[in-house]
Amino acid sequence: MVENKKNEIAITVGNRVRSIRRSKGLTIEQLACDIGVEYTQLSRIERGRINTSIFNLFLITKALNTSFSELVKDLDEVEFDLLGQ
């Protein structure tokens, strides 16, 4: 159950990163270069294949000129019961 939620959260954040990046007119290669990661790593982040660090998310928000809260705002809709996990 917890693993499913981790995946759901990674996908939700990744989709948000992709959406904001595209709205800014940036390619995945441009954003990856701006934050100092391989474009393949950024691609895995956007597809929710990996959980990235808070620091990488921070770099992404700075490169996209957006707030951290904007990046993770869709997480409010992920249901999670801490007791039942």
PDB file of N, CA and C in Angstrom:
ATOM      1  N   MET A   1       0.819  -1.203   0.000  1.00  0.00           N
ATOM      2  CA  MET A   1       0.000   0.000   0.000  1.00  0.00           C
ATOM      3  C   MET A   1       0.859   1.262   0.000  1.00  0.00           C
ATOM      4  N   VAL A   2       1.862   1.303   0.878  1.00  0.00           N
ATOM      5  CA  VAL A   2       2.732   2.471   0.940  1.00  0.00           C
ATOM      6  C   VAL A   2       3.477   2.642  -0.379  1.00  0.00           C
ATOM      7  N   GLU A   3       3.948   1.543  -0.949  1.00  0.00           N
ATOM      8  CA  GLU A   3       4.678   1.613  -2.224  1.00  0.00           C
ATOM      9  C   GLU A   3       3.781   2.181  -3.329  1.00  0.00           C
ATOM     10  N   ASN A   4       2.517   1.793  -3.339  1.00  0.00           N
ATOM     11  CA  ASN A   4       1.573   2.337  -4.320  1.00  0.00           C
ATOM     12  C   ASN A   4       1.416   3.843  -4.153  1.00  0.00           C
ATOM     13  N   LYS A   5       1.355   4.304  -2.914  1.00  0.00           N
ATOM     14  CA  LYS A   5       1.217   5.742  -2.661  1.00  0.00           C
ATOM     15  C   LYS A   5       2.479   6.489  -3.064  1.00  0.00           C
ATOM     16  N   LYS A   6       3.655   5.885  -2.811  1.00  0.00           N
ATOM     17  CA  LYS A   6       4.909   6.515  -3.243  1.00  0.00           C
ATOM     18  C   LYS A   6       4.891   6.715  -4.751  1.00  0.00           C
ATOM     19  N   ASN A   7       4.465   5.689  -5.462  1.00  0.00           N
ATOM     20  CA  ASN A   7       4.396   5.780  -6.920  1.00  0.00           C
ATOM     21  C   ASN A   7       3.391   6.832  -7.361  1.00  0.00           C
ATOM     22  N   GLU A   8       2.235   6.860  -6.710  1.00  0.00           N
ATOM     23  CA  GLU A   8       1.202   7.841  -7.056  1.00  0.00           C
ATOM     24  C   GLU A   8       1.707   9.267  -6.836  1.00  0.00           C
ATOM     25  N   ILE A   9       2.399   9.476  -5.745  1.00  0.00           N
ATOM     26  CA  ILE A   9       2.936  10.805  -5.450  1.00  0.00           C
ATOM     27  C   ILE A   9       4.010  11.184  -6.462  1.00  0.00           C
ATOM     28  N   ALA A  10       4.898  10.252  -6.786  1.00  0.00           N
ATOM     29  CA  ALA A  10       5.952  10.521  -7.767  1.00  0.00           C
ATOM     30  C   ALA A  10       5.345  10.872  -9.125  1.00  0.00           C
ATOM     31  N   ILE A  11       4.305  10.161  -9.519  1.00  0.00           N
ATOM     32  CA  ILE A  11       3.643  10.431 -10.792  1.00  0.00           C
ATOM     33  C   ILE A  11       2.951  11.793 -10.758  1.00  0.00           C
ATOM     34  N   THR A  12       2.293  12.107  -9.666  1.00  0.00           N
ATOM     35  CA  THR A  12       1.602  13.390  -9.539  1.00  0.00           C
ATOM     36  C   THR A  12       2.586  14.552  -9.630  1.00  0.00           C
ATOM     37  N   VAL A  13       3.686  14.467  -8.890  1.00  0.00           N
ATOM     38  CA  VAL A  13       4.696  15.536  -8.923  1.00  0.00           C
ATOM     39  C   VAL A  13       5.341  15.598 -10.301  1.00  0.00           C
ATOM     40  N   GLY A  14       5.663  14.453 -10.862  1.00  0.00           N
ATOM     41  CA  GLY A  14       6.278  14.429 -12.188  1.00  0.00           C
ATOM     42  C   GLY A  14       5.400  15.056 -13.249  1.00  0.00           C
ATOM     43  N   ASN A  15       4.113  14.747 -13.201  1.00  0.00           N
ATOM     44  CA  ASN A  15       3.172  15.355 -14.152  1.00  0.00           C
ATOM     45  C   ASN A  15       3.131  16.862 -13.996  1.00  0.00           C
ATOM     46  N   ARG A  16       3.207  17.303 -12.754  1.00  0.00           N
ATOM     47  CA  ARG A  16       3.180  18.749 -12.491  1.00  0.00           C
ATOM     48  C   ARG A  16       4.439  19.422 -13.034  1.00  0.00           C
ATOM     49  N   VAL A  17       5.596  18.788 -12.818  1.00  0.00           N
ATOM     50  CA  VAL A  17       6.852  19.321 -13.357  1.00  0.00           C
ATOM     51  C   VAL A  17       6.744  19.447 -14.874  1.00  0.00           C
ATOM     52  N   ARG A  18       6.281  18.381 -15.528  1.00  0.00           N
ATOM     53  CA  ARG A  18       6.153  18.393 -16.988  1.00  0.00           C
ATOM     54  C   ARG A  18       5.208  19.496 -17.449  1.00  0.00           C
ATOM     55  N   SER A  19       4.076  19.619 -16.776  1.00  0.00           N
ATOM     56  CA  SER A  19       3.081  20.618 -17.162  1.00  0.00           C
ATOM     57  C   SER A  19       3.647  22.037 -17.053  1.00  0.00           C
ATOM     58  N   ILE A  20       4.300  22.321 -15.941  1.00  0.00           N
ATOM     59  CA  ILE A  20       4.875  23.665 -15.753  1.00  0.00           C
ATOM     60  C   ILE A  20       5.997  23.903 -16.759  1.00  0.00           C
ATOM     61  N   ARG A  21       6.858  22.892 -16.951  1.00  0.00           N
ATOM     62  CA  ARG A  21       7.962  23.039 -17.910  1.00  0.00           C
ATOM     63  C   ARG A  21       7.426  23.375 -19.297  1.00  0.00           C
ATOM     64  N   ARG A  22       6.420  22.624 -19.727  1.00  0.00           N
ATOM     65  CA  ARG A  22       5.858  22.860 -21.056  1.00  0.00           C
ATOM     66  C   ARG A  22       5.202  24.231 -21.154  1.00  0.00           C
ATOM     67  N   SER A  23       4.528  24.647 -20.076  1.00  0.00           N
ATOM     68  CA  SER A  23       3.870  25.963 -20.101  1.00  0.00           C
ATOM     69  C   SER A  23       4.889  27.096 -20.214  1.00  0.00           C
ATOM     70  N   LYS A  24       6.115  26.827 -19.778  1.00  0.00           N
ATOM     71  CA  LYS A  24       7.193  27.817 -19.865  1.00  0.00           C
ATOM     72  C   LYS A  24       7.929  27.737 -21.202  1.00  0.00           C
ATOM     73  N   GLY A  25       7.556  26.763 -22.038  1.00  0.00           N
ATOM     74  CA  GLY A  25       8.177  26.627 -23.353  1.00  0.00           C
ATOM     75  C   GLY A  25       9.568  26.025 -23.320  1.00  0.00           C
ATOM     76  N   LEU A  26       9.879  25.275 -22.267  1.00  0.00           N
ATOM     77  CA  LEU A  26      11.200  24.655 -22.145  1.00  0.00           C
ATOM     78  C   LEU A  26      11.164  23.205 -22.588  1.00  0.00           C
ATOM     79  N   THR A  27      12.239  22.778 -23.225  1.00  0.00           N
ATOM     80  CA  THR A  27      12.374  21.360 -23.527  1.00  0.00           C
ATOM     81  C   THR A  27      12.911  20.663 -22.284  1.00  0.00           C
ATOM     82  N   ILE A  28      12.770  19.344 -22.280  1.00  0.00           N
ATOM     83  CA  ILE A  28      13.296  18.579 -21.157  1.00  0.00           C
ATOM     84  C   ILE A  28      14.820  18.730 -21.084  1.00  0.00           C
ATOM     85  N   GLU A  29      15.458  18.824 -22.237  1.00  0.00           N
ATOM     86  CA  GLU A  29      16.910  18.999 -22.273  1.00  0.00           C
ATOM     87  C   GLU A  29      17.321  20.340 -21.668  1.00  0.00           C
ATOM     88  N   GLN A  30      16.567  21.394 -21.973  1.00  0.00           N
ATOM     89  CA  GLN A  30      16.882  22.721 -21.426  1.00  0.00           C
ATOM     90  C   GLN A  30      16.767  22.734 -19.909  1.00  0.00           C
ATOM     91  N   LEU A  31      15.668  22.194 -19.395  1.00  0.00           N
ATOM     92  CA  LEU A  31      15.476  22.191 -17.948  1.00  0.00           C
ATOM     93  C   LEU A  31      16.534  21.335 -17.272  1.00  0.00           C
ATOM     94  N   ALA A  32      16.822  20.184 -17.841  1.00  0.00           N
ATOM     95  CA  ALA A  32      17.842  19.309 -17.267  1.00  0.00           C
ATOM     96  C   ALA A  32      19.187  20.030 -17.192  1.00  0.00           C
ATOM     97  N   CYS A  33      19.543  20.725 -18.244  1.00  0.00           N
ATOM     98  CA  CYS A  33      20.798  21.490 -18.261  1.00  0.00           C
ATOM     99  C   CYS A  33      20.779  22.576 -17.194  1.00  0.00           C
ATOM    100  N   ASP A  34      19.658  23.267 -17.059  1.00  0.00           N
ATOM    101  CA  ASP A  34      19.529  24.340 -16.069  1.00  0.00           C
ATOM    102  C   ASP A  34      19.731  23.852 -14.641  1.00  0.00           C
ATOM    103  N   ILE A  35      19.277  22.620 -14.361  1.00  0.00           N
ATOM    104  CA  ILE A  35      19.384  22.117 -12.980  1.00  0.00           C
ATOM    105  C   ILE A  35      20.566  21.179 -12.779  1.00  0.00           C
ATOM    106  N   GLY A  36      21.297  20.906 -13.862  1.00  0.00           N
ATOM    107  CA  GLY A  36      22.511  20.116 -13.744  1.00  0.00           C
ATOM    108  C   GLY A  36      22.320  18.622 -13.604  1.00  0.00           C
ATOM    109  N   VAL A  37      21.291  18.087 -14.284  1.00  0.00           N
ATOM    110  CA  VAL A  37      21.090  16.638 -14.300  1.00  0.00           C
ATOM    111  C   VAL A  37      20.983  16.177 -15.751  1.00  0.00           C
ATOM    112  N   GLU A  38      21.171  14.900 -15.968  1.00  0.00           N
ATOM    113  CA  GLU A  38      20.981  14.320 -17.304  1.00  0.00           C
ATOM    114  C   GLU A  38      19.498  14.405 -17.670  1.00  0.00           C
ATOM    115  N   TYR A  39      19.216  14.629 -18.928  1.00  0.00           N
ATOM    116  CA  TYR A  39      17.807  14.716 -19.339  1.00  0.00           C
ATOM    117  C   TYR A  39      17.077  13.401 -19.085  1.00  0.00           C
ATOM    118  N   THR A  40      17.809  12.280 -19.101  1.00  0.00           N
ATOM    119  CA  THR A  40      17.172  10.988 -18.825  1.00  0.00           C
ATOM    120  C   THR A  40      16.682  10.916 -17.377  1.00  0.00           C
ATOM    121  N   GLN A  41      17.446  11.531 -16.470  1.00  0.00           N
ATOM    122  CA  GLN A  41      17.006  11.557 -15.069  1.00  0.00           C
ATOM    123  C   GLN A  41      15.767  12.424 -14.927  1.00  0.00           C
ATOM    124  N   LEU A  42      15.763  13.578 -15.564  1.00  0.00           N
ATOM    125  CA  LEU A  42      14.591  14.447 -15.509  1.00  0.00           C
ATOM    126  C   LEU A  42      13.386  13.753 -16.142  1.00  0.00           C
ATOM    127  N   SER A  43      13.608  13.019 -17.201  1.00  0.00           N
ATOM    128  CA  SER A  43      12.527  12.266 -17.825  1.00  0.00           C
ATOM    129  C   SER A  43      11.933  11.257 -16.846  1.00  0.00           C
ATOM    130  N   ARG A  44      12.779  10.573 -16.092  1.00  0.00           N
ATOM    131  CA  ARG A  44      12.281   9.607 -15.100  1.00  0.00           C
ATOM    132  C   ARG A  44      11.510  10.319 -13.992  1.00  0.00           C
ATOM    133  N   ILE A  45      11.955  11.518 -13.614  1.00  0.00           N
ATOM    134  CA  ILE A  45      11.226  12.301 -12.606  1.00  0.00           C
ATOM    135  C   ILE A  45       9.845  12.662 -13.151  1.00  0.00           C
ATOM    136  N   GLU A  46       9.796  13.168 -14.373  1.00  0.00           N
ATOM    137  CA  GLU A  46       8.530  13.591 -14.966  1.00  0.00           C
ATOM    138  C   GLU A  46       7.552  12.428 -15.159  1.00  0.00           C
ATOM    139  N   ARG A  47       8.068  11.249 -15.403  1.00  0.00           N
ATOM    140  CA  ARG A  47       7.203  10.083 -15.599  1.00  0.00           C
ATOM    141  C   ARG A  47       6.886   9.378 -14.287  1.00  0.00           C
ATOM    142  N   GLY A  48       7.435   9.867 -13.182  1.00  0.00           N
ATOM    143  CA  GLY A  48       7.168   9.271 -11.879  1.00  0.00           C
ATOM    144  C   GLY A  48       7.876   7.948 -11.678  1.00  0.00           C
ATOM    145  N   ARG A  49       8.922   7.718 -12.427  1.00  0.00           N
ATOM    146  CA  ARG A  49       9.669   6.458 -12.324  1.00  0.00           C
ATOM    147  C   ARG A  49      10.619   6.445 -11.136  1.00  0.00           C
ATOM    148  N   ILE A  50      11.020   7.636 -10.689  1.00  0.00           N
ATOM    149  CA  ILE A  50      11.915   7.724  -9.535  1.00  0.00           C
ATOM    150  C   ILE A  50      11.403   8.799  -8.583  1.00  0.00           C
ATOM    151  N   ASN A  51      11.712   8.606  -7.326  1.00  0.00           N
ATOM    152  CA  ASN A  51      11.481   9.645  -6.325  1.00  0.00           C
ATOM    153  C   ASN A  51      12.752  10.466  -6.260  1.00  0.00           C
ATOM    154  N   THR A  52      12.635  11.733  -6.502  1.00  0.00           N
ATOM    155  CA  THR A  52      13.818  12.578  -6.500  1.00  0.00           C
ATOM    156  C   THR A  52      13.964  13.271  -5.155  1.00  0.00           C
ATOM    157  N   SER A  53      15.081  13.906  -4.959  1.00  0.00           N
ATOM    158  CA  SER A  53      15.346  14.574  -3.688  1.00  0.00           C
ATOM    159  C   SER A  53      14.606  15.909  -3.606  1.00  0.00           C
ATOM    160  N   ILE A  54      14.418  16.358  -2.399  1.00  0.00           N
ATOM    161  CA  ILE A  54      13.837  17.686  -2.165  1.00  0.00           C
ATOM    162  C   ILE A  54      14.721  18.746  -2.815  1.00  0.00           C
ATOM    163  N   PHE A  55      16.021  18.537  -2.768  1.00  0.00           N
ATOM    164  CA  PHE A  55      16.935  19.508  -3.371  1.00  0.00           C
ATOM    165  C   PHE A  55      16.710  19.602  -4.881  1.00  0.00           C
ATOM    166  N   ASN A  56      16.540  18.466  -5.551  1.00  0.00           N
ATOM    167  CA  ASN A  56      16.264  18.517  -6.989  1.00  0.00           C
ATOM    168  C   ASN A  56      14.940  19.212  -7.270  1.00  0.00           C
ATOM    169  N   LEU A  57      13.947  18.964  -6.447  1.00  0.00           N
ATOM    170  CA  LEU A  57      12.673  19.664  -6.618  1.00  0.00           C
ATOM    171  C   LEU A  57      12.845  21.163  -6.413  1.00  0.00           C
ATOM    172  N   PHE A  58      13.673  21.531  -5.439  1.00  0.00           N
ATOM    173  CA  PHE A  58      13.979  22.943  -5.202  1.00  0.00           C
ATOM    174  C   PHE A  58      14.628  23.556  -6.444  1.00  0.00           C
ATOM    175  N   LEU A  59      15.615  22.859  -7.021  1.00  0.00           N
ATOM    176  CA  LEU A  59      16.278  23.356  -8.233  1.00  0.00           C
ATOM    177  C   LEU A  59      15.287  23.497  -9.383  1.00  0.00           C
ATOM    178  N   ILE A  60      14.397  22.526  -9.510  1.00  0.00           N
ATOM    179  CA  ILE A  60      13.384  22.584 -10.564  1.00  0.00           C
ATOM    180  C   ILE A  60      12.498  23.813 -10.388  1.00  0.00           C
ATOM    181  N   THR A  61      12.066  24.083  -9.156  1.00  0.00           N
ATOM    182  CA  THR A  61      11.204  25.253  -8.939  1.00  0.00           C
ATOM    183  C   THR A  61      11.936  26.540  -9.283  1.00  0.00           C
ATOM    184  N   LYS A  62      13.213  26.620  -8.940  1.00  0.00           N
ATOM    185  CA  LYS A  62      13.981  27.829  -9.253  1.00  0.00           C
ATOM    186  C   LYS A  62      14.144  27.991 -10.762  1.00  0.00           C
ATOM    187  N   ALA A  63      14.465  26.903 -11.454  1.00  0.00           N
ATOM    188  CA  ALA A  63      14.656  26.969 -12.903  1.00  0.00           C
ATOM    189  C   ALA A  63      13.354  27.294 -13.635  1.00  0.00           C
ATOM    190  N   LEU A  64      12.235  26.846 -13.083  1.00  0.00           N
ATOM    191  CA  LEU A  64      10.931  27.121 -13.696  1.00  0.00           C
ATOM    192  C   LEU A  64      10.311  28.420 -13.200  1.00  0.00           C
ATOM    193  N   ASN A  65      11.010  29.081 -12.281  1.00  0.00           N
ATOM    194  CA  ASN A  65      10.517  30.341 -11.710  1.00  0.00           C
ATOM    195  C   ASN A  65       9.104  30.162 -11.141  1.00  0.00           C
ATOM    196  N   THR A  66       8.967  29.138 -10.328  1.00  0.00           N
ATOM    197  CA  THR A  66       7.689  28.845  -9.688  1.00  0.00           C
ATOM    198  C   THR A  66       7.949  28.536  -8.218  1.00  0.00           C
ATOM    199  N   SER A  67       6.907  28.373  -7.460  1.00  0.00           N
ATOM    200  CA  SER A  67       7.064  28.073  -6.036  1.00  0.00           C
ATOM    201  C   SER A  67       7.007  26.568  -5.802  1.00  0.00           C
ATOM    202  N   PHE A  68       7.584  26.154  -4.703  1.00  0.00           N
ATOM    203  CA  PHE A  68       7.540  24.749  -4.321  1.00  0.00           C
ATOM    204  C   PHE A  68       6.092  24.317  -4.113  1.00  0.00           C
ATOM    205  N   SER A  69       5.298  25.192  -3.495  1.00  0.00           N
ATOM    206  CA  SER A  69       3.891  24.845  -3.250  1.00  0.00           C
ATOM    207  C   SER A  69       3.139  24.648  -4.563  1.00  0.00           C
ATOM    208  N   GLU A  70       3.484  25.388  -5.592  1.00  0.00           N
ATOM    209  CA  GLU A  70       2.846  25.210  -6.900  1.00  0.00           C
ATOM    210  C   GLU A  70       3.213  23.840  -7.482  1.00  0.00           C
ATOM    211  N   LEU A  71       4.429  23.428  -7.239  1.00  0.00           N
ATOM    212  CA  LEU A  71       4.894  22.144  -7.764  1.00  0.00           C
ATOM    213  C   LEU A  71       4.186  20.961  -7.115  1.00  0.00           C
ATOM    214  N   VAL A  72       3.869  21.076  -5.840  1.00  0.00           N
ATOM    215  CA  VAL A  72       3.288  19.947  -5.111  1.00  0.00           C
ATOM    216  C   VAL A  72       1.808  20.130  -4.773  1.00  0.00           C
ATOM    217  N   LYS A  73       1.184  21.153  -5.318  1.00  0.00           N
ATOM    218  CA  LYS A  73      -0.194  21.455  -4.928  1.00  0.00           C
ATOM    219  C   LYS A  73      -1.169  20.317  -5.190  1.00  0.00           C
ATOM    220  N   ASP A  74      -0.944  19.533  -6.212  1.00  0.00           N
ATOM    221  CA  ASP A  74      -1.864  18.439  -6.522  1.00  0.00           C
ATOM    222  C   ASP A  74      -1.772  17.294  -5.521  1.00  0.00           C
ATOM    223  N   LEU A  75      -0.805  17.325  -4.632  1.00  0.00           N
ATOM    224  CA  LEU A  75      -0.679  16.265  -3.625  1.00  0.00           C
ATOM    225  C   LEU A  75      -1.793  16.328  -2.601  1.00  0.00           C
ATOM    226  N   ASP A  76      -2.456  17.459  -2.486  1.00  0.00           N
ATOM    227  CA  ASP A  76      -3.581  17.571  -1.561  1.00  0.00           C
ATOM    228  C   ASP A  76      -4.684  16.578  -1.911  1.00  0.00           C
ATOM    229  N   GLU A  77      -4.720  16.147  -3.159  1.00  0.00           N
ATOM    230  CA  GLU A  77      -5.774  15.244  -3.603  1.00  0.00           C
ATOM    231  C   GLU A  77      -5.421  13.770  -3.442  1.00  0.00           C
ATOM    232  N   VAL A  78      -4.182  13.472  -3.041  1.00  0.00           N
ATOM    233  CA  VAL A  78      -3.782  12.088  -2.820  1.00  0.00           C
ATOM    234  C   VAL A  78      -4.276  11.664  -1.456  1.00  0.00           C
ATOM    235  N   GLU A  79      -5.084  10.633  -1.421  1.00  0.00           N
ATOM    236  CA  GLU A  79      -5.618  10.153  -0.149  1.00  0.00           C
ATOM    237  C   GLU A  79      -4.616   9.208   0.500  1.00  0.00           C
ATOM    238  N   PHE A  80      -4.422   9.406   1.793  1.00  0.00           N
ATOM    239  CA  PHE A  80      -3.456   8.577   2.524  1.00  0.00           C
ATOM    240  C   PHE A  80      -3.857   8.529   3.976  1.00  0.00           C
ATOM    241  N   ASP A  81      -3.972   7.348   4.501  1.00  0.00           N
ATOM    242  CA  ASP A  81      -4.315   7.128   5.903  1.00  0.00           C
ATOM    243  C   ASP A  81      -3.050   6.720   6.637  1.00  0.00           C
ATOM    244  N   LEU A  82      -2.517   7.597   7.471  1.00  0.00           N
ATOM    245  CA  LEU A  82      -1.272   7.290   8.177  1.00  0.00           C
ATOM    246  C   LEU A  82      -1.383   6.068   9.058  1.00  0.00           C
ATOM    247  N   LEU A  83      -2.506   5.841   9.641  1.00  0.00           N
ATOM    248  CA  LEU A  83      -2.675   4.684  10.523  1.00  0.00           C
ATOM    249  C   LEU A  83      -2.785   3.395   9.724  1.00  0.00           C
ATOM    250  N   GLY A  84      -3.534   3.433   8.644  1.00  0.00           N
ATOM    251  CA  GLY A  84      -3.724   2.233   7.843  1.00  0.00           C
ATOM    252  C   GLY A  84      -2.665   2.042   6.776  1.00  0.00           C
ATOM    253  N   GLN A  85      -2.083   3.138   6.360  1.00  0.00           N
ATOM    254  CA  GLN A  85      -1.082   3.181   5.292  1.00  0.00           C
ATOM    255  C   GLN A  85      -1.469   2.215   4.215  1.00  0.00           C
TER     256      GLN A  85
END
